[in-house]
């Protein structure tokens, strides 16, 4: 069986390393390893903004006990919990409760995220945490 694209020119490629360098993905491997992950983990900028990001200005406005480290830990812990519960699946959906940074409320609201295992730049397994509509 021949490869349909054999000898074809690559029109465009965008590596995971480029996405991390550009800030489209944020490498969270270090804290993810603390939570039990054994492969590199990154989170999309959109998922980060919704579930992790927490500035000093937000803290002053909300006046609630929150910080980025705690919010990030909640995300990786829940991702790891769901990944272990669904071992063998390449894509799992999980919920994390977070106080939305936008608006005035301080009541935690659910956010749905997806953890996807796929190939990295060299074909190695990597995990990307994202919102359901992202890929």
Foldseek 3Di string as FASTA:
>chain_A
DDDPCVPPDDPDDAAPVNCCVVQQKPWPQVLLVVLPDDATEIEGPVCCLFQQDDDPVLCVQAVDDDHRVVSVNQVSNQQVVQCVVVPPDQKDKTWGWAQGSDDHDRGTDIAIKMWGWFAHPVGDTYIYIYHPVDD
